[in-house]
C-alpha atoms as a PDB file:
ATOM      1  CA  MET A   1     -13.605 -16.345 -12.534  1.00  0.00           C
ATOM      2  CA  SER A   2     -12.626 -13.256 -10.488  1.00  0.00           C
ATOM      3  CA  VAL A   3     -10.368 -10.573 -11.737  1.00  0.00           C
ATOM      4  CA  VAL A   4      -8.112 -10.988  -8.524  1.00  0.00           C
ATOM      5  CA  ASP A   5      -7.879 -14.684  -8.942  1.00  0.00           C
ATOM      6  CA  GLY A   6      -4.314 -16.110  -9.349  1.00  0.00           C
ATOM      7  CA  GLU A   7      -0.931 -14.903  -8.104  1.00  0.00           C
ATOM      8  CA  GLN A   8       1.228 -12.329  -9.629  1.00  0.00           C
ATOM      9  CA  PRO A   9       4.522 -12.711 -10.872  1.00  0.00           C
ATOM     10  CA  PRO A  10       7.546 -11.550  -8.578  1.00  0.00           C
ATOM     11  CA  PRO A  11       8.628  -7.981  -9.453  1.00  0.00           C
ATOM     12  CA  ILE A  12      11.396  -7.227 -11.786  1.00  0.00           C
ATOM     13  CA  HIS A  13      14.237  -4.694 -11.262  1.00  0.00           C
ATOM     14  CA  ARG A  14      14.263  -1.883 -13.416  1.00  0.00           C
ATOM     15  CA  PRO A  15      17.963  -0.042 -13.158  1.00  0.00           C
ATOM     16  CA  GLY A  16      17.689   3.523 -13.203  1.00  0.00           C
ATOM     17  CA  VAL A  17      14.138   3.772 -12.553  1.00  0.00           C
ATOM     18  CA  LEU A  18      13.025   5.752  -9.210  1.00  0.00           C
ATOM     19  CA  SER A  19      11.174   3.488  -6.844  1.00  0.00           C
ATOM     20  CA  VAL A  20       7.778   4.332  -5.936  1.00  0.00           C
ATOM     21  CA  GLN A  21       8.880   4.826  -2.226  1.00  0.00           C
ATOM     22  CA  GLN A  22      11.117   7.663  -3.012  1.00  0.00           C
ATOM     23  CA  GLN A  23       8.381   9.261  -5.421  1.00  0.00           C
ATOM     24  CA  VAL A  24       6.083   8.984  -2.235  1.00  0.00           C
ATOM     25  CA  ILE A  25       8.798  10.405  -0.030  1.00  0.00           C
ATOM     26  CA  THR A  26       9.302  13.507  -2.227  1.00  0.00           C
ATOM     27  CA  ASP A  27       5.527  13.893  -2.423  1.00  0.00           C
ATOM     28  CA  LEU A  28       5.444  13.906   1.629  1.00  0.00           C
ATOM     29  CA  ALA A  29       7.620  17.055   1.671  1.00  0.00           C
ATOM     30  CA  VAL A  30       4.576  19.120   1.178  1.00  0.00           C
ATOM     31  CA  TYR A  31       2.628  17.639   4.451  1.00  0.00           C
ATOM     32  CA  SER A  32       3.293  19.337   7.652  1.00  0.00           C
ATOM     33  CA  GLN A  33       3.535  15.875   9.311  1.00  0.00           C
ATOM     34  CA  GLY A  34       4.991  14.030   6.605  1.00  0.00           C
ATOM     35  CA  GLN A  35       8.479  13.596   7.843  1.00  0.00           C
ATOM     36  CA  PRO A  36       7.850  10.659  10.079  1.00  0.00           C
ATOM     37  CA  VAL A  37       5.656   8.907   7.467  1.00  0.00           C
ATOM     38  CA  ALA A  38       8.631   9.434   4.930  1.00  0.00           C
ATOM     39  CA  ALA A  39      11.097   7.841   7.359  1.00  0.00           C
ATOM     40  CA  ASP A  40       8.572   4.827   7.748  1.00  0.00           C
ATOM     41  CA  ILE A  41       8.501   4.388   3.829  1.00  0.00           C
ATOM     42  CA  ALA A  42      12.254   4.577   3.744  1.00  0.00           C
ATOM     43  CA  GLU A  43      12.325   1.866   6.179  1.00  0.00           C
ATOM     44  CA  ARG A  44       9.599  -0.269   4.288  1.00  0.00           C
ATOM     45  CA  GLU A  45      11.785   0.399   1.261  1.00  0.00           C
ATOM     46  CA  ARG A  46      14.871  -1.171   2.860  1.00  0.00           C
ATOM     47  CA  VAL A  47      12.750  -4.115   4.035  1.00  0.00           C
ATOM     48  CA  GLY A  48      11.330  -4.610   0.575  1.00  0.00           C
ATOM     49  CA  ILE A  49      14.666  -4.589  -1.232  1.00  0.00           C
ATOM     50  CA  GLN A  50      15.909  -7.121   1.504  1.00  0.00           C
ATOM     51  CA  ARG A  51      12.756  -9.537   1.053  1.00  0.00           C
ATOM     52  CA  TYR A  52      12.167  -9.179  -2.885  1.00  0.00           C
ATOM     53  CA  GLY A  53      15.815  -8.214  -3.990  1.00  0.00           C
ATOM     54  CA  THR A  54      14.413  -4.832  -5.602  1.00  0.00           C
ATOM     55  CA  PRO A  55      12.672  -1.681  -4.711  1.00  0.00           C
ATOM     56  CA  LEU A  56       9.194  -1.244  -5.633  1.00  0.00           C
ATOM     57  CA  GLN A  57       9.286   0.416  -9.120  1.00  0.00           C
ATOM     58  CA  PRO A  58       6.441   1.234 -11.687  1.00  0.00           C
ATOM     59  CA  GLY A  59       6.619  -1.394 -14.760  1.00  0.00           C
ATOM     60  CA  ASN A  60       7.899  -4.241 -12.435  1.00  0.00           C
ATOM     61  CA  GLY A  61       6.085  -6.552 -14.204  1.00  0.00           C
ATOM     62  CA  ARG A  62       2.993  -6.747 -11.698  1.00  0.00           C
ATOM     63  CA  SER A  63      -0.074  -4.866 -11.586  1.00  0.00           C
ATOM     64  CA  MET A  64      -0.073  -2.032  -9.111  1.00  0.00           C
ATOM     65  CA  ILE A  65      -3.590  -1.740  -9.044  1.00  0.00           C
ATOM     66  CA  ARG A  66      -4.055  -5.484  -8.009  1.00  0.00           C
ATOM     67  CA  ASP A  67      -1.157  -5.026  -5.439  1.00  0.00           C
ATOM     68  CA  ALA A  68      -2.982  -1.815  -4.055  1.00  0.00           C
ATOM     69  CA  TYR A  69      -6.556  -3.584  -3.851  1.00  0.00           C
ATOM     70  CA  ASP A  70      -4.637  -6.778  -1.936  1.00  0.00           C
ATOM     71  CA  GLU A  71      -3.083  -4.433   0.342  1.00  0.00           C
ATOM     72  CA  ASN A  72      -6.306  -2.320   0.781  1.00  0.00           C
ATOM     73  CA  LEU A  73      -8.136  -5.437   1.686  1.00  0.00           C
ATOM     74  CA  ASP A  74      -5.672  -6.249   4.416  1.00  0.00           C
ATOM     75  CA  LEU A  75      -6.028  -2.624   5.640  1.00  0.00           C
ATOM     76  CA  VAL A  76      -9.695  -3.361   5.942  1.00  0.00           C
ATOM     77  CA  ILE A  77      -9.199  -6.342   7.772  1.00  0.00           C
ATOM     78  CA  TYR A  78      -6.637  -5.017  10.271  1.00  0.00           C
ATOM     79  CA  LEU A  79      -8.846  -1.901  10.970  1.00  0.00           C
ATOM     80  CA  ARG A  80     -11.721  -4.210  11.722  1.00  0.00           C
ATOM     81  CA  GLY A  81      -9.570  -6.060  14.085  1.00  0.00           C
ATOM     82  CA  ALA A  82      -8.634  -3.061  15.933  1.00  0.00           C
ATOM     83  CA  ILE A  83     -12.170  -1.764  16.218  1.00  0.00           C
ATOM     84  CA  THR A  84     -12.757  -5.249  17.979  1.00  0.00           C
ATOM     85  CA  GLU A  85      -9.860  -4.920  20.230  1.00  0.00           C
ATOM     86  CA  GLN A  86     -10.077  -1.210  21.171  1.00  0.00           C
ATOM     87  CA  GLY A  87     -13.775  -0.484  20.587  1.00  0.00           C
ATOM     88  CA  GLU A  88     -15.652   1.790  18.155  1.00  0.00           C
ATOM     89  CA  THR A  89     -13.407   5.114  18.398  1.00  0.00           C
ATOM     90  CA  GLU A  90     -14.625   7.705  16.118  1.00  0.00           C
ATOM     91  CA  ASP A  91     -11.115   7.872  14.551  1.00  0.00           C
ATOM     92  CA  LEU A  92     -10.979   4.096  13.875  1.00  0.00           C
ATOM     93  CA  VAL A  93     -14.522   3.715  12.432  1.00  0.00           C
ATOM     94  CA  LEU A  94     -13.792   6.432  10.386  1.00  0.00           C
ATOM     95  CA  ALA A  95     -10.640   4.956   9.056  1.00  0.00           C
ATOM     96  CA  TYR A  96     -12.436   1.669   8.615  1.00  0.00           C
ATOM     97  CA  ASP A  97     -15.242   3.255   6.495  1.00  0.00           C
ATOM     98  CA  ARG A  98     -12.654   5.004   4.267  1.00  0.00           C
ATOM     99  CA  ALA A  99     -10.655   1.809   3.987  1.00  0.00           C
ATOM    100  CA  ILE A 100     -13.775   0.072   2.770  1.00  0.00           C
ATOM    101  CA  ASN A 101     -15.005   2.659   0.177  1.00  0.00           C
ATOM    102  CA  LEU A 102     -11.497   2.803  -1.073  1.00  0.00           C
ATOM    103  CA  ALA A 103     -11.522  -0.901  -1.409  1.00  0.00           C
ATOM    104  CA  ILE A 104     -14.738  -0.467  -3.466  1.00  0.00           C
ATOM    105  CA  GLN A 105     -13.326   2.334  -5.510  1.00  0.00           C
ATOM    106  CA  ILE A 106      -9.955   0.177  -6.482  1.00  0.00           C
ATOM    107  CA  ARG A 107     -11.914  -2.936  -7.075  1.00  0.00           C
ATOM    108  CA  GLU A 108     -13.778  -0.886  -9.716  1.00  0.00           C
ATOM    109  CA  MET A 109     -10.500  -0.085 -11.545  1.00  0.00           C
ATOM    110  CA  LEU A 110      -9.525  -3.952 -11.862  1.00  0.00           C
END
């Protein structure tokens, strides 16, 4: 049986705990081009609260590493699809290669 088999429980809300999105938004302040990404993350937080009833918080009853791995697998798939649609541009191929290597690295953490 694989370490990634099975479903994870729904997230639980932890009152008073800063969301992971807000932590990332704070981290992005040091990046010169971070503001648009911070705005996108704030919107994702809004959507997540609407969808799941809680922001993404540490200690929410789920494995963050497992969620990161699952999401990274989606990233690999979407980037490969973009290469098929748009051609092998240098930026896409580099992003695809980085995503694959990140998936391998995260998988080793599970």
